[in-house]
Amino acid sequence: MNNSIVNKSSGFTLIEVMVALTIIALSLGALLSTSGSQANNATYLKQKTLAHWVAVNELTQMRISKQFPDLGDKKGSTEMAENEWFWVRTSKATEDKDARQISFTVYADKDRTRNLTSLTGYANR
């Protein structure tokens, strides 16, 4: 009799093992989902950062070359970090006839449907 009591109390029942495995499986699923989401966010932030650098570089190049842009839009592209970035430069008049408001909008695609960043600055004669 003593032997049968010892055998019943040592070890886990099948239901206990199944519940533990279910909890582990759910936890691992949530962990994998979070990891994938973080990887996507890191890629998106990298793209936004590079797009911002493209806009800053384009505005700086325009200022250094002392260009005074015509009013309206101009489209262009730039290569950075082994990617081609597409931008639209919008020039608007200001109250001062010798100054322009310049906005660069940078896109990841050639069709310019995926806006990543915009940067506004000013240029003068």
Protein backbone atom coordinates (compact mmCIF):
# COMPACT_ATOMS: atom_id res chain seq x y z
CA MET A 1 0.00 0.00 0.00
CA ASN A 2 2.77 2.41 0.80
CA ASN A 3 4.25 1.79 -2.63
CA SER A 4 1.06 2.78 -4.49
CA ILE A 5 0.76 6.07 -2.57
CA VAL A 6 4.36 7.02 -3.41
CA ASN A 7 3.86 6.28 -7.12
CA LYS A 8 0.70 8.40 -7.32
CA SER A 9 2.32 11.45 -5.75
CA SER A 10 5.55 11.49 -7.82
CA GLY A 11 5.37 13.06 -11.30
CA PHE A 12 2.84 15.14 -13.21
CA THR A 13 -0.45 14.12 -14.68
CA LEU A 14 -1.02 14.35 -18.41
CA ILE A 15 -3.36 17.32 -17.94
CA GLU A 16 -0.75 19.25 -15.95
CA VAL A 17 1.84 18.68 -18.68
CA MET A 18 -0.62 19.75 -21.41
CA VAL A 19 -1.51 22.95 -19.53
CA ALA A 20 2.19 23.78 -19.05
CA LEU A 21 2.92 23.18 -22.75
CA THR A 22 -0.03 25.37 -23.76
CA ILE A 23 1.23 28.23 -21.59
CA ILE A 24 4.75 27.89 -23.04
CA ALA A 25 3.42 27.82 -26.62
CA LEU A 26 1.32 30.96 -26.08
CA SER A 27 4.26 32.77 -24.48
CA LEU A 28 6.61 31.88 -27.34
CA GLY A 29 4.02 33.00 -29.90
CA ALA A 30 3.71 36.40 -28.23
CA LEU A 31 7.50 36.70 -28.01
CA LEU A 32 7.94 35.95 -31.73
CA SER A 33 5.24 38.44 -32.65
CA THR A 34 6.93 41.17 -30.61
CA SER A 35 10.33 40.39 -32.14
CA GLY A 36 8.93 40.67 -35.66
CA SER A 37 7.25 43.96 -34.84
CA GLN A 38 10.49 45.39 -33.45
CA ALA A 39 12.39 44.38 -36.59
CA ASN A 40 9.80 46.12 -38.77
CA ASN A 41 9.98 49.26 -36.63
CA ALA A 42 13.78 49.33 -36.85
CA THR A 43 13.64 49.13 -40.66
CA TYR A 44 11.04 51.90 -40.83
CA LEU A 45 13.07 54.17 -38.54
CA LYS A 46 16.20 53.56 -40.61
CA GLN A 47 14.31 54.57 -43.78
CA LYS A 48 12.93 57.71 -42.14
CA THR A 49 16.37 58.71 -40.88
CA LEU A 50 18.00 58.23 -44.28
CA ALA A 51 15.16 60.12 -45.99
CA HIS A 52 15.65 63.02 -43.58
CA TRP A 53 19.38 63.07 -44.37
CA VAL A 54 18.54 63.18 -48.08
CA ALA A 55 16.30 66.22 -47.51
CA VAL A 56 18.94 67.97 -45.38
CA ASN A 57 21.64 67.26 -47.98
CA GLU A 58 19.52 68.56 -50.87
CA LEU A 59 18.63 71.76 -49.02
CA THR A 60 22.27 72.27 -48.00
CA GLN A 61 23.55 71.69 -51.53
CA MET A 62 21.07 74.21 -52.86
CA ARG A 63 22.18 76.79 -50.28
CA ILE A 64 25.90 76.18 -50.87
CA SER A 65 25.53 76.54 -54.64
CA LYS A 66 23.64 79.80 -53.99
CA GLN A 67 20.75 78.68 -56.20
CA PHE A 68 17.64 80.81 -56.03
CA PRO A 69 14.95 78.37 -57.14
CA ASP A 70 12.04 79.19 -59.41
CA LEU A 71 8.57 79.01 -57.89
CA GLY A 72 6.79 75.67 -58.13
CA ASP A 73 7.73 72.02 -57.91
CA LYS A 74 10.81 70.19 -59.12
CA LYS A 75 11.28 66.42 -58.96
CA GLY A 76 14.57 64.63 -58.55
CA SER A 77 16.32 61.64 -57.05
CA THR A 78 19.42 61.00 -54.98
CA GLU A 79 21.36 57.89 -54.09
CA MET A 80 22.27 57.29 -50.46
CA ALA A 81 23.10 54.12 -48.54
CA GLU A 82 22.76 51.99 -51.67
CA ASN A 83 19.16 53.16 -52.19
CA GLU A 84 17.63 55.60 -54.61
CA TRP A 85 15.50 58.24 -52.90
CA PHE A 86 12.97 60.33 -54.80
CA TRP A 87 12.14 63.87 -53.75
CA VAL A 88 9.96 66.82 -54.67
CA ARG A 89 11.21 70.34 -54.02
CA THR A 90 8.44 72.93 -53.62
CA SER A 91 9.41 76.60 -53.79
CA LYS A 92 6.99 79.24 -52.54
CA ALA A 93 7.18 83.01 -52.49
CA THR A 94 7.56 84.85 -49.19
CA GLU A 95 6.82 88.44 -48.20
CA ASP A 96 10.45 89.22 -48.97
CA LYS A 97 10.91 89.06 -52.76
CA ASP A 98 14.55 88.02 -52.22
CA ALA A 99 13.61 84.92 -50.19
CA ARG A 100 11.89 81.62 -50.96
CA GLN A 101 10.36 78.99 -48.74
CA ILE A 102 11.77 75.64 -49.84
CA SER A 103 10.21 72.30 -48.88
CA PHE A 104 11.72 68.93 -49.69
CA THR A 105 9.50 65.86 -49.46
CA VAL A 106 11.34 62.54 -49.75
CA TYR A 107 9.76 59.32 -50.98
CA ALA A 108 10.91 55.70 -51.00
CA ASP A 109 9.28 54.88 -54.34
CA LYS A 110 9.55 56.32 -57.85
CA ASP A 111 5.78 56.96 -58.02
CA ARG A 112 6.17 59.20 -54.97
CA THR A 113 3.29 57.63 -53.06
CA ARG A 114 5.20 56.67 -49.88
CA ASN A 115 6.15 59.94 -48.19
CA LEU A 116 8.83 59.35 -45.55
CA THR A 117 9.72 62.88 -44.48
CA SER A 118 9.39 66.58 -45.25
CA LEU A 119 11.81 69.39 -44.49
CA THR A 120 11.22 73.12 -44.91
CA GLY A 121 13.88 75.80 -45.08
CA TYR A 122 14.52 79.17 -46.70
CA ALA A 123 16.82 80.41 -49.43
CA ASN A 124 17.74 83.97 -50.33
CA ARG A 125 19.45 85.67 -53.25
